[in-house]
Amino acid sequence: MKSWKLVSGILCIVLCVIVLFQSCAAGLANALEENGDSGGTAGLLVALLLLAGGVTSIATRNSREKGGSVALVILFGLAAVLAFSNAAVYQDLTVWAVWCVINAGMAVIALVKA
């Protein structure tokens, strides 16, 4: 599970940058169109949760305690719920939500194995 946490953490930090730029563009488009959609803002929050999850994943990869895995389940689970619930207009949020569900599932497996 150590290697999963390291690889997942690095990928989450890289994906955070991508989600951040996409969300800024979506938020700008929403503001210019004045359509009232909150997909861009939700994407920004998902990006921040991805960053927090990635850093937590890297920081707790060598820990034998359950606290790091619990934090990962909460962070990635919250990001997935937020992304799925706001993916009506901004379809890329579904991709990031699936990634968060995968990470939350792996954290649950790490939690059970600990």
C-alpha atoms as a PDB file:
ATOM      1  CA  MET A   1       0.000   0.000   0.000  1.00  0.00           C
ATOM      2  CA  LYS A   2       3.006   2.281   0.410  1.00  0.00           C
ATOM      3  CA  SER A   3       3.631   2.430  -3.315  1.00  0.00           C
ATOM      4  CA  TRP A   4      -0.065   3.061  -4.024  1.00  0.00           C
ATOM      5  CA  LYS A   5      -0.115   5.999  -1.622  1.00  0.00           C
ATOM      6  CA  LEU A   6       3.004   7.516  -3.171  1.00  0.00           C
ATOM      7  CA  VAL A   7       1.861   7.097  -6.789  1.00  0.00           C
ATOM      8  CA  SER A   8      -1.680   8.196  -5.982  1.00  0.00           C
ATOM      9  CA  GLY A   9      -0.414  11.230  -4.102  1.00  0.00           C
ATOM     10  CA  ILE A  10       1.813  12.345  -6.959  1.00  0.00           C
ATOM     11  CA  LEU A  11      -0.954  11.808  -9.525  1.00  0.00           C
ATOM     12  CA  CYS A  12      -3.447  13.706  -7.364  1.00  0.00           C
ATOM     13  CA  ILE A  13      -1.129  16.694  -7.105  1.00  0.00           C
ATOM     14  CA  VAL A  14      -0.565  16.708 -10.885  1.00  0.00           C
ATOM     15  CA  LEU A  15      -4.285  16.262 -11.586  1.00  0.00           C
ATOM     16  CA  CYS A  16      -5.025  19.060  -9.133  1.00  0.00           C
ATOM     17  CA  VAL A  17      -3.252  21.512 -11.430  1.00  0.00           C
ATOM     18  CA  ILE A  18      -5.224  20.274 -14.452  1.00  0.00           C
ATOM     19  CA  VAL A  19      -8.554  20.430 -12.606  1.00  0.00           C
ATOM     20  CA  LEU A  20      -7.676  23.882 -11.299  1.00  0.00           C
ATOM     21  CA  PHE A  21      -7.068  25.293 -14.784  1.00  0.00           C
ATOM     22  CA  GLN A  22     -10.180  23.636 -16.207  1.00  0.00           C
ATOM     23  CA  SER A  23     -12.288  24.920 -13.354  1.00  0.00           C
ATOM     24  CA  CYS A  24     -10.979  28.445 -13.725  1.00  0.00           C
ATOM     25  CA  ALA A  25     -11.899  28.352 -17.406  1.00  0.00           C
ATOM     26  CA  ALA A  26     -15.337  26.888 -16.634  1.00  0.00           C
ATOM     27  CA  GLY A  27     -15.935  29.454 -13.900  1.00  0.00           C
ATOM     28  CA  LEU A  28     -14.964  32.278 -16.226  1.00  0.00           C
ATOM     29  CA  ALA A  29     -17.288  30.938 -18.914  1.00  0.00           C
ATOM     30  CA  ASN A  30     -20.103  30.661 -16.362  1.00  0.00           C
ATOM     31  CA  ALA A  31     -19.543  34.238 -15.251  1.00  0.00           C
ATOM     32  CA  LEU A  32     -19.463  35.569 -18.815  1.00  0.00           C
ATOM     33  CA  GLU A  33     -22.593  33.651 -19.805  1.00  0.00           C
ATOM     34  CA  GLU A  34     -24.328  34.488 -16.516  1.00  0.00           C
ATOM     35  CA  ASN A  35     -25.943  31.052 -16.534  1.00  0.00           C
ATOM     36  CA  GLY A  36     -25.817  30.495 -12.777  1.00  0.00           C
ATOM     37  CA  ASP A  37     -23.999  27.154 -13.017  1.00  0.00           C
ATOM     38  CA  SER A  38     -21.645  26.326 -10.160  1.00  0.00           C
ATOM     39  CA  GLY A  39     -19.567  23.662 -11.927  1.00  0.00           C
ATOM     40  CA  GLY A  40     -16.482  25.862 -12.070  1.00  0.00           C
ATOM     41  CA  THR A  41     -16.617  26.606  -8.363  1.00  0.00           C
ATOM     42  CA  ALA A  42     -17.218  22.947  -7.556  1.00  0.00           C
ATOM     43  CA  GLY A  43     -14.208  22.088  -9.712  1.00  0.00           C
ATOM     44  CA  LEU A  44     -12.052  24.475  -7.687  1.00  0.00           C
ATOM     45  CA  LEU A  45     -13.148  22.784  -4.473  1.00  0.00           C
ATOM     46  CA  VAL A  46     -12.518  19.345  -5.976  1.00  0.00           C
ATOM     47  CA  ALA A  47      -9.029  20.509  -7.003  1.00  0.00           C
ATOM     48  CA  LEU A  48      -8.299  21.665  -3.457  1.00  0.00           C
ATOM     49  CA  LEU A  49      -9.558  18.361  -2.044  1.00  0.00           C
ATOM     50  CA  LEU A  50      -7.400  16.479  -4.581  1.00  0.00           C
ATOM     51  CA  LEU A  51      -4.384  18.497  -3.451  1.00  0.00           C
ATOM     52  CA  ALA A  52      -5.144  17.845   0.217  1.00  0.00           C
ATOM     53  CA  GLY A  53      -5.690  14.150  -0.482  1.00  0.00           C
ATOM     54  CA  GLY A  54      -2.478  13.900  -2.490  1.00  0.00           C
ATOM     55  CA  VAL A  55      -0.390  15.555   0.200  1.00  0.00           C
ATOM     56  CA  THR A  56      -2.026  13.437   2.909  1.00  0.00           C
ATOM     57  CA  SER A  57      -1.435  10.297   0.863  1.00  0.00           C
ATOM     58  CA  ILE A  58       2.269  11.057   0.470  1.00  0.00           C
ATOM     59  CA  ALA A  59       2.685  12.147   4.091  1.00  0.00           C
ATOM     60  CA  THR A  60       1.029   9.035   5.549  1.00  0.00           C
ATOM     61  CA  ARG A  61       2.424   6.402   3.192  1.00  0.00           C
ATOM     62  CA  ASN A  62       4.791   4.944   5.813  1.00  0.00           C
ATOM     63  CA  SER A  63       2.348   5.180   8.709  1.00  0.00           C
ATOM     64  CA  ARG A  64       0.961   2.024  10.275  1.00  0.00           C
ATOM     65  CA  GLU A  65      -1.866   3.933  11.953  1.00  0.00           C
ATOM     66  CA  LYS A  66      -5.393   4.145  10.568  1.00  0.00           C
ATOM     67  CA  GLY A  67      -5.747   7.937  10.808  1.00  0.00           C
ATOM     68  CA  GLY A  68      -4.184   8.659   7.428  1.00  0.00           C
ATOM     69  CA  SER A  69      -6.443   6.222   5.621  1.00  0.00           C
ATOM     70  CA  VAL A  70      -9.513   7.605   7.391  1.00  0.00           C
ATOM     71  CA  ALA A  71      -8.521  11.119   6.325  1.00  0.00           C
ATOM     72  CA  LEU A  72      -8.087   9.928   2.731  1.00  0.00           C
ATOM     73  CA  VAL A  73     -11.523   8.286   2.702  1.00  0.00           C
ATOM     74  CA  ILE A  74     -13.085  11.517   3.975  1.00  0.00           C
ATOM     75  CA  LEU A  75     -11.190  13.818   1.579  1.00  0.00           C
ATOM     76  CA  PHE A  76     -11.673  11.718  -1.543  1.00  0.00           C
ATOM     77  CA  GLY A  77     -15.239  10.774  -0.627  1.00  0.00           C
ATOM     78  CA  LEU A  78     -16.181  14.417  -0.146  1.00  0.00           C
ATOM     79  CA  ALA A  79     -14.515  15.342  -3.438  1.00  0.00           C
ATOM     80  CA  ALA A  80     -16.371  12.562  -5.259  1.00  0.00           C
ATOM     81  CA  VAL A  81     -19.764  13.582  -3.868  1.00  0.00           C
ATOM     82  CA  LEU A  82     -19.096  17.223  -4.713  1.00  0.00           C
ATOM     83  CA  ALA A  83     -17.959  16.376  -8.235  1.00  0.00           C
ATOM     84  CA  PHE A  84     -20.802  13.967  -9.017  1.00  0.00           C
ATOM     85  CA  SER A  85     -23.419  16.401  -7.739  1.00  0.00           C
ATOM     86  CA  ASN A  86     -22.150  19.290  -9.891  1.00  0.00           C
ATOM     87  CA  ALA A  87     -21.318  17.449 -13.117  1.00  0.00           C
ATOM     88  CA  ALA A  88     -24.456  18.520 -15.011  1.00  0.00           C
ATOM     89  CA  VAL A  89     -22.814  21.121 -17.251  1.00  0.00           C
ATOM     90  CA  TYR A  90     -19.136  20.551 -16.529  1.00  0.00           C
ATOM     91  CA  GLN A  91     -18.824  16.905 -17.683  1.00  0.00           C
ATOM     92  CA  ASP A  92     -15.138  16.549 -16.777  1.00  0.00           C
ATOM     93  CA  LEU A  93     -16.117  16.555 -13.119  1.00  0.00           C
ATOM     94  CA  THR A  94     -17.384  13.006 -13.634  1.00  0.00           C
ATOM     95  CA  VAL A  95     -13.868  11.869 -14.582  1.00  0.00           C
ATOM     96  CA  TRP A  96     -12.372  13.480 -11.491  1.00  0.00           C
ATOM     97  CA  ALA A  97     -15.159  12.032  -9.340  1.00  0.00           C
ATOM     98  CA  VAL A  98     -14.372   8.511 -10.572  1.00  0.00           C
ATOM     99  CA  TRP A  99     -10.686   9.079  -9.773  1.00  0.00           C
ATOM    100  CA  CYS A 100     -11.673  10.189  -6.269  1.00  0.00           C
ATOM    101  CA  VAL A 101     -13.887   7.111  -5.813  1.00  0.00           C
ATOM    102  CA  ILE A 102     -10.975   4.869  -6.844  1.00  0.00           C
ATOM    103  CA  ASN A 103      -8.700   6.582  -4.320  1.00  0.00           C
ATOM    104  CA  ALA A 104     -11.321   6.399  -1.577  1.00  0.00           C
ATOM    105  CA  GLY A 105     -11.786   2.692  -2.315  1.00  0.00           C
ATOM    106  CA  MET A 106      -8.060   2.055  -2.119  1.00  0.00           C
ATOM    107  CA  ALA A 107      -7.941   3.960   1.172  1.00  0.00           C
ATOM    108  CA  VAL A 108     -10.733   1.739   2.521  1.00  0.00           C
ATOM    109  CA  ILE A 109      -8.708  -1.322   1.499  1.00  0.00           C
ATOM    110  CA  ALA A 110      -5.639   0.120   3.254  1.00  0.00           C
ATOM    111  CA  LEU A 111      -7.796   0.826   6.294  1.00  0.00           C
ATOM    112  CA  VAL A 112      -9.067  -2.754   6.427  1.00  0.00           C
ATOM    113  CA  LYS A 113      -5.565  -4.189   5.976  1.00  0.00           C
ATOM    114  CA  ALA A 114      -4.118  -2.029   8.792  1.00  0.00           C
END
